[in-house]
Amino acid sequence: MVREEEVCDLFVIGGGINGCGVARDAAGRGLTVTLAEMSDLASATSSASTKLFHGGLRYLEYFEFRLVRESLIERETLLRAMPHISWPMRFVLPYHKDMRFEGDTPTSKLLNGVMPWMRGRRPAWLIRLGLFLYDHLGGRKILPGTSTVDLMSSPEGRALQERFTKAYEYSDCWVEDSRLVVLNARDAEARGARIMTRTRVVSAKQEDGIWSITTEDADTKKTRVTRARMIVNAGGPWVGDVIRDTVHSHSKDSVRLVRGSHIVTRRLFDHDKCYFFQGTDGRIMFAIPYETDFTLIGTTDQEHEDPTQPPVCTEAEKDYMVSFVNQYLADPISVDDIVWTYSGVRPLYDDGASSATAATRDYTLKMDHSAGAPVINIFGGKITTYRRLAEGVMELVGEEVPDLAPAWTAGVALPGGDFAVSEVESRISDLARANPFLSDAWARRLIRAYGTEAQEVLGAAKQRSDLGQDFGATLTAAEVDWLMDREYARSADDVLWRRTKLGLRLSKEQSTALQDYMTRRSVRAASAAAE
């Protein structure tokens, strides 16, 4: 066992977007930070989102104006800081007269009171009012505003049934969610944080107001004791377990676990815009262009009782999502068109809402001293507001740490993101021109993943063979080495489903060859370190 005598300022439990965002913010303010993640970074909820920076249009119906405004402001703040892994996207919302509210939202109750003849329907004027608020609540500067689309004559209408003649089109942003987590971790480490992946927190005990946290490395089984003045519980679905079983807090706060599932199908339409569909049950569903050749459809809201039970997309959820989008598509799909599914568990604050959908998506931060030393528990949150959540955590830290440095992360680029939003296409062209062996699609993938670091990934290669073993789908040993050395990747799944989405394209044999290569490389590195 390794026991550290120095006391760090913060010990962060959880390597999802909230934990890594907090670690980055804290390290940038000069605090000493250690982060422990029991698996790979973004291995749970943070790689299973709908992959959008968005204000949350439907949250307006719940009168969550603060959450929507903060999210809308953050869209462009984040877009400027990571133009390689995030980009603007237009959303097409087909209108029809039978659009309905989902359950008893505050807006539906109000409207039913003053216009009882509507019987739960969403009128066009209300949707347009919501989009007007969406356009103006967040001080939009980069993204274009709402417009009306004639589906009878536009490309967006060709994929839809003829009964849909009109749509509204508005803006939000796409984001590569798991890469966002890794880049925050990298930047935190560059600013002095220690990032420990595949490291489980075994116990946490307070001694004279200081935490002693015992961790275990999943590979070596070696344990380490780290002393810290404060714990940040960013455990995601396991936040309740950390409260009860790790820090042994007396907190009465509880978490509500809600599973969201997605399906990925073949490409369903020939344009780069997203559809925002509303079903007869009032719920909404996105259909989003995905990885060039696919369409991402989601999400669901289902109660999930046990965080130790891996979330999976059930057959019922698959059928539900297929049936949902078939209410709109001109060419119906079936479950046979599904090429991949994924599910994540949202750790929402238990506010007593009647349904999983109605439970607040806003984040809740709780400072707890009941175990004898301070713990900050994080509940809920949207990927869009992770940076503001981190600032909120630091405000609580400031109550314990005098003279804390001010907030600094707004607009500060993540690794590879130090270029303008408008320069993406020129960066792709420049990379292809400097490396003639790259195809246009390959150059685009590298810029979209690594931004200004793409050339570092390629190194001094003059031809494709200089990049080492070819695993397929433009993935080479040079890139895998980069991901292992710089981005904490240890397994083929880390590379294929989190650092990239090339798992959609590689065969089982190619994936096995990748795992074999990574295993051999890890063994060589361990042997060299032991000498």
Protein backbone atom coordinates (compact mmCIF):
# COMPACT_ATOMS: atom_id res chain seq x y z
CA MET A 1 0.00 0.00 0.00
CA VAL A 2 1.17 3.50 -0.86
CA ARG A 3 0.26 6.14 1.70
CA GLU A 4 0.60 9.80 0.79
CA GLU A 5 1.29 12.21 3.62
CA GLU A 6 0.63 15.40 1.66
CA VAL A 7 -2.98 16.55 1.68
CA CYS A 8 -4.59 17.50 -1.63
CA ASP A 9 -7.39 20.05 -1.79
CA LEU A 10 -9.97 18.02 -3.71
CA PHE A 11 -10.54 14.33 -4.31
CA VAL A 12 -13.06 13.80 -7.12
CA ILE A 13 -14.90 10.49 -7.30
CA GLY A 14 -16.10 9.79 -10.85
CA GLY A 15 -14.60 10.32 -14.29
CA GLY A 16 -17.70 11.39 -16.19
CA ILE A 17 -18.26 14.87 -17.57
CA ASN A 18 -19.11 16.42 -14.20
CA GLY A 19 -16.10 14.93 -12.41
CA CYS A 20 -13.63 15.82 -15.17
CA GLY A 21 -15.16 19.27 -15.57
CA VAL A 22 -14.75 19.94 -11.85
CA ALA A 23 -11.17 18.62 -11.88
CA ARG A 24 -10.25 20.90 -14.77
CA ASP A 25 -11.82 24.00 -13.20
CA ALA A 26 -10.25 23.33 -9.79
CA ALA A 27 -6.78 22.60 -11.18
CA GLY A 28 -6.93 25.76 -13.23
CA ARG A 29 -7.53 27.74 -10.04
CA GLY A 30 -4.36 26.33 -8.49
CA LEU A 31 -5.93 23.67 -6.28
CA THR A 32 -4.34 20.26 -5.92
CA VAL A 33 -6.73 17.69 -7.36
CA THR A 34 -6.91 13.89 -7.57
CA LEU A 35 -9.62 12.15 -9.61
CA ALA A 36 -10.45 8.45 -9.46
CA GLU A 37 -12.65 6.66 -12.01
CA MET A 38 -13.40 2.98 -11.44
CA SER A 39 -13.54 2.19 -15.15
CA ASP A 40 -12.68 4.15 -18.29
CA LEU A 41 -13.41 7.86 -18.53
CA ALA A 42 -16.97 8.46 -19.77
CA SER A 43 -17.69 4.75 -19.53
CA ALA A 44 -21.22 5.23 -18.18
CA THR A 45 -23.74 8.06 -18.59
CA SER A 46 -21.36 10.55 -20.18
CA SER A 47 -20.86 8.43 -23.31
CA ALA A 48 -24.53 7.50 -23.58
CA SER A 49 -26.16 10.90 -24.13
CA THR A 50 -28.06 12.12 -27.19
CA LYS A 51 -24.83 14.04 -27.91
CA LEU A 52 -26.32 17.51 -28.05
CA PHE A 53 -25.42 20.88 -26.61
CA HIS A 54 -28.98 22.18 -26.40
CA GLY A 55 -31.13 24.47 -24.37
CA GLY A 56 -33.83 21.85 -23.85
CA LEU A 57 -36.81 23.16 -25.79
CA ARG A 58 -39.29 20.92 -23.96
CA TYR A 59 -38.10 22.16 -20.55
CA LEU A 60 -39.89 25.44 -21.26
CA GLU A 61 -43.16 23.58 -20.72
CA TYR A 62 -42.00 22.84 -17.17
CA PHE A 63 -41.18 26.54 -16.64
CA GLU A 64 -37.50 25.70 -16.12
CA PHE A 65 -36.49 29.05 -17.59
CA ARG A 66 -33.25 29.37 -15.62
CA LEU A 67 -32.04 25.98 -16.82
CA VAL A 68 -32.99 26.73 -20.43
CA ARG A 69 -31.40 30.19 -20.39
CA GLU A 70 -28.18 28.91 -18.84
CA SER A 71 -28.06 26.05 -21.36
CA LEU A 72 -28.67 28.36 -24.32
CA ILE A 73 -25.87 30.69 -23.23
CA GLU A 74 -23.55 27.72 -22.73
CA ARG A 75 -24.15 26.33 -26.26
CA GLU A 76 -22.10 29.06 -27.88
CA THR A 77 -19.61 29.38 -25.01
CA LEU A 78 -18.79 25.70 -25.42
CA LEU A 79 -18.89 25.76 -29.22
CA ARG A 80 -16.14 28.40 -29.26
CA ALA A 81 -13.98 26.32 -26.91
CA MET A 82 -14.25 23.07 -28.86
CA PRO A 83 -15.08 23.66 -32.54
CA HIS A 84 -13.46 20.33 -33.45
CA ILE A 85 -15.77 18.10 -31.37
CA SER A 86 -18.87 20.33 -31.47
CA TRP A 87 -20.69 21.96 -34.38
CA PRO A 88 -23.97 23.74 -35.17
CA MET A 89 -26.93 21.64 -36.24
CA ARG A 90 -30.37 22.59 -37.53
CA PHE A 91 -33.44 20.84 -36.11
CA VAL A 92 -36.63 20.32 -38.11
CA LEU A 93 -39.82 20.16 -36.05
CA PRO A 94 -42.75 18.99 -38.27
CA TYR A 95 -46.03 20.50 -37.16
CA HIS A 96 -49.43 18.81 -37.22
CA LYS A 97 -52.70 19.79 -35.58
CA ASP A 98 -52.83 16.77 -33.27
CA MET A 99 -49.60 17.55 -31.39
CA ARG A 100 -50.22 17.00 -27.69
CA PHE A 101 -48.63 17.68 -24.31
CA GLU A 102 -47.03 14.83 -22.41
CA GLY A 103 -49.04 14.39 -19.22
CA ASP A 104 -49.85 17.31 -16.97
CA THR A 105 -47.01 19.74 -17.58
CA PRO A 106 -47.36 23.17 -15.96
CA THR A 107 -48.01 24.68 -19.40
CA SER A 108 -50.71 22.13 -20.28
CA LYS A 109 -52.47 22.74 -16.97
CA LEU A 110 -52.41 26.49 -17.54
CA LEU A 111 -53.65 26.18 -21.11
CA ASN A 112 -56.40 23.73 -20.19
CA GLY A 113 -57.58 26.19 -17.55
CA VAL A 114 -57.96 29.13 -19.94
CA MET A 115 -58.65 27.17 -23.15
CA PRO A 116 -60.42 23.94 -22.08
CA TRP A 117 -61.52 23.19 -25.65
CA MET A 118 -57.87 22.46 -26.57
CA ARG A 119 -58.00 19.20 -24.52
CA GLY A 120 -54.20 18.85 -24.13
CA ARG A 121 -53.25 19.81 -27.69
CA ARG A 122 -50.21 21.95 -28.48
CA PRO A 123 -51.35 24.82 -30.72
CA ALA A 124 -49.04 26.20 -33.41
CA TRP A 125 -48.87 29.61 -31.75
CA LEU A 126 -47.60 28.05 -28.53
CA ILE A 127 -44.83 26.18 -30.35
CA ARG A 128 -43.85 29.37 -32.16
CA LEU A 129 -43.83 31.26 -28.84
CA GLY A 130 -41.57 28.61 -27.34
CA LEU A 131 -39.19 28.88 -30.30
CA PHE A 132 -39.21 32.68 -29.99
CA LEU A 133 -38.14 32.35 -26.35
CA TYR A 134 -35.57 29.74 -27.39
CA ASP A 135 -34.08 32.17 -29.89
CA HIS A 136 -33.86 35.08 -27.46
CA LEU A 137 -33.33 33.79 -23.91
CA GLY A 138 -29.65 32.99 -24.41
CA GLY A 139 -28.21 35.98 -26.27
CA ARG A 140 -27.58 33.95 -29.45
CA LYS A 141 -24.74 35.30 -31.63
CA ILE A 142 -23.39 32.45 -33.78
CA LEU A 143 -26.37 30.16 -34.35
CA PRO A 144 -29.14 31.17 -36.78
CA GLY A 145 -32.65 31.65 -35.46
CA THR A 146 -35.94 29.89 -36.16
CA SER A 147 -37.43 29.72 -39.64
CA THR A 148 -40.42 28.02 -41.27
CA VAL A 149 -39.95 25.14 -43.72
CA ASP A 150 -42.32 24.17 -46.53
CA LEU A 151 -42.10 20.38 -46.39
CA MET A 152 -43.95 20.04 -49.70
CA SER A 153 -41.01 21.39 -51.67
CA SER A 154 -37.93 21.06 -49.46
CA PRO A 155 -35.39 18.21 -49.10
CA GLU A 156 -36.38 17.93 -45.43
CA GLY A 157 -39.89 16.89 -46.51
CA ARG A 158 -38.87 14.02 -48.77
CA ALA A 159 -38.14 11.66 -45.85
CA LEU A 160 -41.52 12.39 -44.24
CA GLN A 161 -45.07 11.29 -44.91
CA GLU A 162 -47.06 13.55 -47.23
CA ARG A 163 -49.43 14.59 -44.45
CA PHE A 164 -46.66 16.78 -42.99
CA THR A 165 -46.62 20.03 -44.94
CA LYS A 166 -45.05 22.53 -42.54
CA ALA A 167 -42.17 22.54 -40.07
CA TYR A 168 -40.24 24.90 -37.86
CA GLU A 169 -36.46 24.84 -38.04
CA TYR A 170 -34.25 25.98 -35.16
CA SER A 171 -30.63 25.66 -33.99
CA ASP A 172 -28.75 23.63 -31.41
CA CYS A 173 -25.32 21.95 -31.42
CA TRP A 174 -23.86 18.46 -31.72
CA VAL A 175 -21.07 17.34 -29.39
CA GLU A 176 -18.88 14.25 -29.21
CA ASP A 177 -19.74 13.52 -25.59
CA SER A 178 -17.08 10.99 -24.59
CA ARG A 179 -14.32 12.98 -26.29
CA LEU A 180 -15.50 16.01 -24.34
CA VAL A 181 -14.87 14.10 -21.10
CA VAL A 182 -11.39 12.94 -22.15
CA LEU A 183 -10.34 16.42 -23.25
CA ASN A 184 -11.45 17.88 -19.92
CA ALA A 185 -9.42 15.21 -18.12
CA ARG A 186 -6.37 15.92 -20.28
CA ASP A 187 -6.60 19.65 -19.63
CA ALA A 188 -7.05 19.03 -15.90
CA GLU A 189 -3.92 16.87 -15.90
CA ALA A 190 -1.98 19.47 -17.87
CA ARG A 191 -2.89 21.97 -15.13
CA GLY A 192 -1.61 19.68 -12.36
CA ALA A 193 -4.45 17.27 -11.56
CA ARG A 194 -3.78 13.57 -11.11
CA ILE A 195 -6.18 11.44 -13.18
CA MET A 196 -6.48 7.79 -12.12
CA THR A 197 -8.60 5.60 -14.39
CA ARG A 198 -9.63 2.03 -13.61
CA THR A 199 -9.16 2.91 -9.96
CA ARG A 200 -11.91 2.04 -7.51
CA VAL A 201 -12.52 3.98 -4.33
CA VAL A 202 -12.58 1.28 -1.65
CA SER A 203 -13.28 3.47 1.37
CA ALA A 204 -13.16 7.03 2.66
CA LYS A 205 -12.66 7.86 6.32
CA GLN A 206 -12.27 11.22 7.96
CA GLU A 207 -9.49 11.76 10.46
CA ASP A 208 -9.43 15.10 12.26
CA GLY A 209 -11.43 16.74 9.47
CA ILE A 210 -9.26 15.31 6.68
CA TRP A 211 -10.37 12.51 4.36
CA SER A 212 -8.26 9.39 3.96
CA ILE A 213 -9.38 7.75 0.72
CA THR A 214 -8.25 4.22 -0.12
CA THR A 215 -8.21 3.32 -3.81
CA GLU A 216 -7.40 0.08 -5.66
CA ASP A 217 -5.95 -0.21 -9.17
CA ALA A 218 -8.12 -2.61 -11.19
CA ASP A 219 -5.15 -4.10 -13.04
CA THR A 220 -2.41 -4.37 -10.41
CA LYS A 221 -4.69 -4.59 -7.33
CA LYS A 222 -2.29 -2.21 -5.59
CA THR A 223 -3.88 0.12 -3.08
CA ARG A 224 -3.13 3.74 -2.31
CA VAL A 225 -4.27 6.08 0.45
CA THR A 226 -4.78 9.70 -0.57
CA ARG A 227 -5.51 12.41 1.97
CA ALA A 228 -7.79 15.26 0.93
CA ARG A 229 -9.49 18.23 2.52
CA MET A 230 -12.70 17.71 0.56
CA ILE A 231 -14.43 15.08 -1.58
CA VAL A 232 -16.48 15.87 -4.67
CA ASN A 233 -18.97 13.07 -5.24
CA ALA A 234 -19.44 13.00 -9.03
CA GLY A 235 -20.35 9.32 -9.00
CA GLY A 236 -23.21 9.69 -11.47
CA PRO A 237 -25.55 6.70 -11.10
CA TRP A 238 -23.49 5.65 -8.07
CA VAL A 239 -23.79 9.02 -6.28
CA GLY A 240 -26.18 7.48 -3.74
CA ASP A 241 -23.86 4.54 -3.10
CA VAL A 242 -20.98 6.92 -2.42
CA ILE A 243 -23.12 8.88 0.05
CA ARG A 244 -24.26 5.79 1.96
CA ASP A 245 -21.49 3.22 1.60
CA THR A 246 -18.27 5.13 0.93
CA VAL A 247 -18.31 8.33 2.95
CA HIS A 248 -21.06 7.08 5.33
CA SER A 249 -22.92 10.36 5.24
CA HIS A 250 -26.16 11.04 7.09
CA SER A 251 -27.52 13.04 4.16
CA LYS A 252 -31.21 12.55 3.37
CA ASP A 253 -30.77 13.56 -0.28
CA SER A 254 -31.48 10.81 -2.77
CA VAL A 255 -31.04 10.11 -6.45
CA ARG A 256 -33.61 9.04 -9.03
CA LEU A 257 -32.16 6.84 -11.76
CA VAL A 258 -33.73 7.23 -15.19
CA ARG A 259 -32.57 5.12 -18.14
CA GLY A 260 -32.36 6.65 -21.58
CA SER A 261 -31.86 4.32 -24.55
CA HIS A 262 -30.93 5.04 -28.17
CA ILE A 263 -30.88 3.06 -31.39
CA VAL A 264 -28.62 3.57 -34.41
CA THR A 265 -29.91 2.60 -37.85
CA ARG A 266 -28.74 2.85 -41.44
CA ARG A 267 -28.92 6.39 -42.81
CA LEU A 268 -32.57 7.37 -43.19
CA PHE A 269 -32.39 10.72 -45.01
CA ASP A 270 -30.07 12.51 -47.41
CA HIS A 271 -29.44 15.80 -45.60
CA ASP A 272 -27.48 16.85 -42.51
CA LYS A 273 -30.35 18.21 -40.39
CA CYS A 274 -31.94 16.58 -37.36
CA TYR A 275 -35.63 15.84 -36.88
CA PHE A 276 -37.49 16.67 -33.69
CA PHE A 277 -40.53 14.37 -33.62
CA GLN A 278 -43.43 14.38 -31.19
CA GLY A 279 -45.46 11.21 -30.67
CA THR A 280 -49.13 10.75 -29.92
CA ASP A 281 -48.16 10.23 -26.27
CA GLY A 282 -46.69 13.74 -26.11
CA ARG A 283 -43.08 12.54 -25.82
CA ILE A 284 -40.40 13.73 -28.20
CA MET A 285 -37.80 11.82 -30.18
CA PHE A 286 -34.74 12.97 -32.13
CA ALA A 287 -33.56 11.44 -35.41
CA ILE A 288 -30.03 12.72 -36.00
CA PRO A 289 -27.45 12.23 -38.79
CA TYR A 290 -24.73 10.07 -37.20
CA GLU A 291 -21.20 9.18 -38.26
CA THR A 292 -21.99 9.99 -41.94
CA ASP A 293 -23.68 6.68 -42.81
CA PHE A 294 -26.09 6.21 -39.90
CA THR A 295 -29.04 7.79 -38.05
CA LEU A 296 -29.22 8.11 -34.25
CA ILE A 297 -32.71 7.86 -32.72
CA GLY A 298 -33.59 8.54 -29.09
CA THR A 299 -34.30 8.77 -26.30
CA THR A 300 -36.52 6.97 -23.81
CA ASP A 301 -37.23 7.66 -20.13
CA GLN A 302 -37.51 4.56 -17.95
CA GLU A 303 -36.99 4.08 -14.23
CA HIS A 304 -33.76 2.20 -13.43
CA GLU A 305 -33.62 0.90 -9.89
CA ASP A 306 -30.13 -0.57 -9.51
CA PRO A 307 -26.95 1.27 -10.64
CA THR A 308 -25.00 -2.01 -10.56
CA GLN A 309 -27.31 -3.42 -13.23
CA PRO A 310 -25.85 -2.42 -16.63
CA PRO A 311 -28.37 -0.36 -18.63
CA VAL A 312 -29.44 -1.98 -21.88
CA CYS A 313 -31.90 -1.02 -24.56
CA THR A 314 -34.76 -3.46 -24.09
CA GLU A 315 -36.78 -5.04 -26.90
CA ALA A 316 -39.75 -2.96 -25.75
CA GLU A 317 -37.71 0.24 -26.05
CA LYS A 318 -36.50 -0.74 -29.53
CA ASP A 319 -40.08 -1.39 -30.64
CA TYR A 320 -41.23 1.87 -29.07
CA MET A 321 -38.62 4.00 -30.84
CA VAL A 322 -39.15 2.27 -34.20
CA SER A 323 -42.93 2.74 -33.94
CA PHE A 324 -42.45 6.34 -32.83
CA VAL A 325 -40.41 7.46 -35.84
CA ASN A 326 -42.58 5.42 -38.22
CA GLN A 327 -45.39 7.84 -37.41
CA TYR A 328 -43.36 10.35 -39.43
CA LEU A 329 -41.15 8.51 -41.93
CA ALA A 330 -42.29 8.00 -45.52
CA ASP A 331 -40.33 4.73 -45.64
CA PRO A 332 -40.94 2.85 -42.38
CA ILE A 333 -38.10 1.07 -40.62
CA SER A 334 -38.07 -2.12 -38.56
CA VAL A 335 -35.92 -3.45 -35.74
CA ASP A 336 -33.89 -5.23 -38.44
CA ASP A 337 -32.56 -1.81 -39.49
CA ILE A 338 -30.94 -1.31 -36.06
CA VAL A 339 -27.14 -1.70 -36.20
CA TRP A 340 -26.32 -0.67 -32.62
CA THR A 341 -27.99 0.36 -29.38
CA TYR A 342 -26.76 2.05 -26.23
CA SER A 343 -28.26 3.10 -22.92
CA GLY A 344 -27.26 5.37 -20.08
CA VAL A 345 -28.61 6.11 -16.61
CA ARG A 346 -29.31 9.71 -15.65
CA PRO A 347 -28.66 10.34 -11.93
CA LEU A 348 -31.41 12.91 -11.34
CA TYR A 349 -32.13 14.60 -8.04
CA ASP A 350 -35.20 12.96 -6.51
CA ASP A 351 -37.59 15.89 -6.40
CA GLY A 352 -40.69 13.73 -6.03
CA ALA A 353 -41.84 14.19 -9.65
CA SER A 354 -44.64 11.86 -10.73
CA SER A 355 -42.83 10.47 -13.78
CA ALA A 356 -39.31 9.90 -15.04
CA THR A 357 -39.86 12.42 -17.81
CA ALA A 358 -41.11 15.11 -15.42
CA ALA A 359 -38.13 14.77 -13.05
CA THR A 360 -35.93 17.85 -13.27
CA ARG A 361 -32.85 17.74 -15.51
CA ASP A 362 -31.38 20.69 -13.64
CA TYR A 363 -28.36 19.97 -11.49
CA THR A 364 -28.46 20.05 -7.72
CA LEU A 365 -25.31 20.56 -5.60
CA LYS A 366 -25.30 19.71 -1.91
CA MET A 367 -22.56 20.48 0.61
CA ASP A 368 -22.56 17.85 3.35
CA HIS A 369 -20.53 17.92 6.61
CA SER A 370 -22.41 15.13 8.37
CA ALA A 371 -19.57 12.59 7.99
CA GLY A 372 -17.11 14.90 9.75
CA ALA A 373 -15.34 16.37 6.71
CA PRO A 374 -16.82 18.21 3.72
CA VAL A 375 -18.36 16.36 0.75
CA ILE A 376 -20.04 17.99 -2.24
CA ASN A 377 -22.66 15.72 -3.79
CA ILE A 378 -23.63 16.28 -7.44
CA PHE A 379 -27.08 15.25 -8.67
CA GLY A 380 -28.41 15.50 -12.21
CA GLY A 381 -27.23 17.98 -14.77
CA LYS A 382 -27.12 18.13 -18.55
CA ILE A 383 -23.97 17.73 -20.61
CA THR A 384 -24.63 21.28 -21.88
CA THR A 385 -24.28 22.80 -18.42
CA TYR A 386 -21.30 20.78 -17.17
CA ARG A 387 -19.00 23.83 -17.16
CA ARG A 388 -21.49 25.95 -15.20
CA LEU A 389 -22.03 23.02 -12.83
CA ALA A 390 -18.28 22.93 -12.20
CA GLU A 391 -18.34 26.65 -11.43
CA GLY A 392 -21.20 25.99 -8.98
CA VAL A 393 -19.12 23.32 -7.26
CA MET A 394 -16.23 25.75 -7.00
CA GLU A 395 -18.48 28.32 -5.35
CA LEU A 396 -19.16 25.75 -2.63
CA VAL A 397 -15.45 24.94 -2.44
CA GLY A 398 -14.85 28.65 -1.95
CA GLU A 399 -16.84 28.51 1.28
CA GLU A 400 -14.13 26.22 2.66
CA VAL A 401 -11.04 27.54 0.83
CA PRO A 402 -10.22 31.22 1.42
CA ASP A 403 -9.03 33.43 -1.44
CA LEU A 404 -10.03 30.96 -4.15
CA ALA A 405 -9.06 32.14 -7.63
CA PRO A 406 -11.95 33.36 -9.83
CA ALA A 407 -13.80 31.44 -12.54
CA TRP A 408 -11.73 31.08 -15.71
CA THR A 409 -13.05 28.35 -18.03
CA ALA A 410 -15.52 30.35 -20.16
CA GLY A 411 -14.17 30.44 -23.71
CA VAL A 412 -10.87 28.72 -22.87
CA ALA A 413 -10.17 26.13 -25.56
CA LEU A 414 -9.93 22.44 -24.81
CA PRO A 415 -6.95 20.54 -26.30
CA GLY A 416 -7.12 20.78 -30.09
CA GLY A 417 -9.85 23.41 -30.04
CA ASP A 418 -7.71 26.53 -30.43
CA PHE A 419 -9.20 27.74 -33.72
CA ALA A 420 -12.33 29.59 -34.84
CA VAL A 421 -15.66 27.86 -35.45
CA SER A 422 -15.56 29.14 -39.04
CA GLU A 423 -12.16 27.52 -39.75
CA VAL A 424 -13.18 23.84 -39.62
CA GLU A 425 -13.32 23.26 -43.37
CA SER A 426 -10.03 25.03 -44.01
CA ARG A 427 -8.38 22.94 -41.26
CA ILE A 428 -9.60 19.77 -42.96
CA SER A 429 -8.29 20.95 -46.33
CA ASP A 430 -4.93 21.95 -44.86
CA LEU A 431 -4.46 18.56 -43.16
CA ALA A 432 -5.30 16.69 -46.38
CA ARG A 433 -2.95 18.88 -48.40
CA ALA A 434 -0.08 18.36 -45.93
CA ASN A 435 -0.68 14.59 -45.90
CA PRO A 436 -1.62 13.49 -49.46
CA PHE A 437 -2.19 9.88 -48.37
CA LEU A 438 -5.28 10.97 -46.42
CA SER A 439 -8.70 10.69 -48.03
CA ASP A 440 -11.10 13.61 -47.49
CA ALA A 441 -13.18 11.50 -45.10
CA TRP A 442 -10.09 10.46 -43.14
CA ALA A 443 -8.87 14.06 -42.82
CA ARG A 444 -12.33 15.15 -41.70
CA ARG A 445 -12.49 12.44 -39.04
CA LEU A 446 -9.08 13.41 -37.65
CA ILE A 447 -9.88 17.13 -37.47
CA ARG A 448 -13.27 16.40 -35.92
CA ALA A 449 -11.57 14.26 -33.25
CA TYR A 450 -8.25 16.01 -32.62
CA GLY A 451 -8.49 19.51 -34.11
CA THR A 452 -5.11 21.24 -34.17
CA GLU A 453 -3.51 18.11 -32.68
CA ALA A 454 -4.38 15.99 -35.74
CA GLN A 455 -0.93 16.46 -37.27
CA GLU A 456 0.67 15.33 -34.01
CA VAL A 457 -1.35 12.12 -34.22
CA LEU A 458 0.04 11.50 -37.73
CA GLY A 459 3.56 12.48 -36.70
CA ALA A 460 6.16 12.61 -39.49
CA ALA A 461 4.43 10.00 -41.67
CA LYS A 462 5.02 10.46 -45.40
CA GLN A 463 2.80 7.60 -46.51
CA ARG A 464 0.07 5.44 -45.02
CA SER A 465 2.43 2.56 -44.20
CA ASP A 466 4.42 4.90 -41.92
CA LEU A 467 1.44 4.91 -39.52
CA GLY A 468 1.95 1.27 -38.57
CA GLN A 469 -0.60 -1.52 -38.39
CA ASP A 470 -3.88 -0.83 -40.19
CA PHE A 471 -6.89 -1.99 -38.17
CA GLY A 472 -9.46 -0.86 -40.74
CA ALA A 473 -11.71 2.18 -41.22
CA THR A 474 -8.62 4.51 -41.22
CA LEU A 475 -7.60 3.45 -37.68
CA THR A 476 -3.84 2.89 -37.51
CA ALA A 477 -1.28 2.03 -34.86
CA ALA A 478 -0.08 5.64 -34.78
CA GLU A 479 -3.51 6.82 -33.69
CA VAL A 480 -3.94 3.98 -31.21
CA ASP A 481 -0.53 4.81 -29.69
CA TRP A 482 -1.65 8.42 -29.30
CA LEU A 483 -4.86 7.35 -27.58
CA MET A 484 -3.00 5.06 -25.20
CA ASP A 485 -0.24 7.54 -24.39
CA ARG A 486 -2.27 10.76 -24.30
CA GLU A 487 -5.93 9.87 -23.78
CA TYR A 488 -5.99 7.08 -21.16
CA ALA A 489 -7.21 4.33 -23.55
CA ARG A 490 -6.43 0.79 -22.39
CA SER A 491 -8.84 -1.46 -24.29
CA ALA A 492 -10.31 -1.83 -27.76
CA ASP A 493 -13.69 -0.68 -26.43
CA ASP A 494 -12.09 2.52 -25.13
CA VAL A 495 -10.86 3.25 -28.66
CA LEU A 496 -13.79 1.97 -30.72
CA TRP A 497 -16.77 3.20 -28.69
CA ARG A 498 -15.55 6.19 -26.67
CA ARG A 499 -12.47 7.87 -28.23
CA THR A 500 -14.01 7.16 -31.65
CA LYS A 501 -17.15 5.44 -32.94
CA LEU A 502 -15.24 3.20 -35.33
CA GLY A 503 -16.80 0.18 -33.64
CA LEU A 504 -19.64 0.74 -36.12
CA ARG A 505 -17.23 -0.03 -38.96
CA LEU A 506 -14.71 -2.61 -37.75
CA SER A 507 -15.35 -6.35 -38.00
CA LYS A 508 -15.05 -8.66 -35.01
CA GLU A 509 -11.69 -9.88 -36.37
CA GLN A 510 -10.39 -6.33 -36.71
CA SER A 511 -11.53 -5.46 -33.19
CA THR A 512 -9.76 -8.55 -31.85
CA ALA A 513 -6.57 -7.57 -33.69
CA LEU A 514 -6.79 -4.12 -32.10
CA GLN A 515 -7.18 -5.58 -28.60
CA ASP A 516 -4.24 -7.90 -29.18
CA TYR A 517 -2.08 -4.98 -30.28
CA MET A 518 -3.05 -2.87 -27.25
CA THR A 519 -2.45 -5.76 -24.85
CA ARG A 520 1.02 -6.41 -26.25
CA ARG A 521 1.89 -2.74 -26.08
CA SER A 522 0.69 -2.47 -22.47
CA VAL A 523 2.75 -5.51 -21.46
CA ARG A 524 5.87 -4.03 -23.07
CA ALA A 525 5.30 -0.72 -21.29
CA ALA A 526 4.81 -2.44 -17.92
CA SER A 527 7.99 -4.47 -18.40
CA ALA A 528 9.98 -1.38 -19.31
CA ALA A 529 8.66 0.47 -16.25
CA ALA A 530 9.63 -2.41 -13.97
CA GLU A 531 13.25 -2.45 -15.14
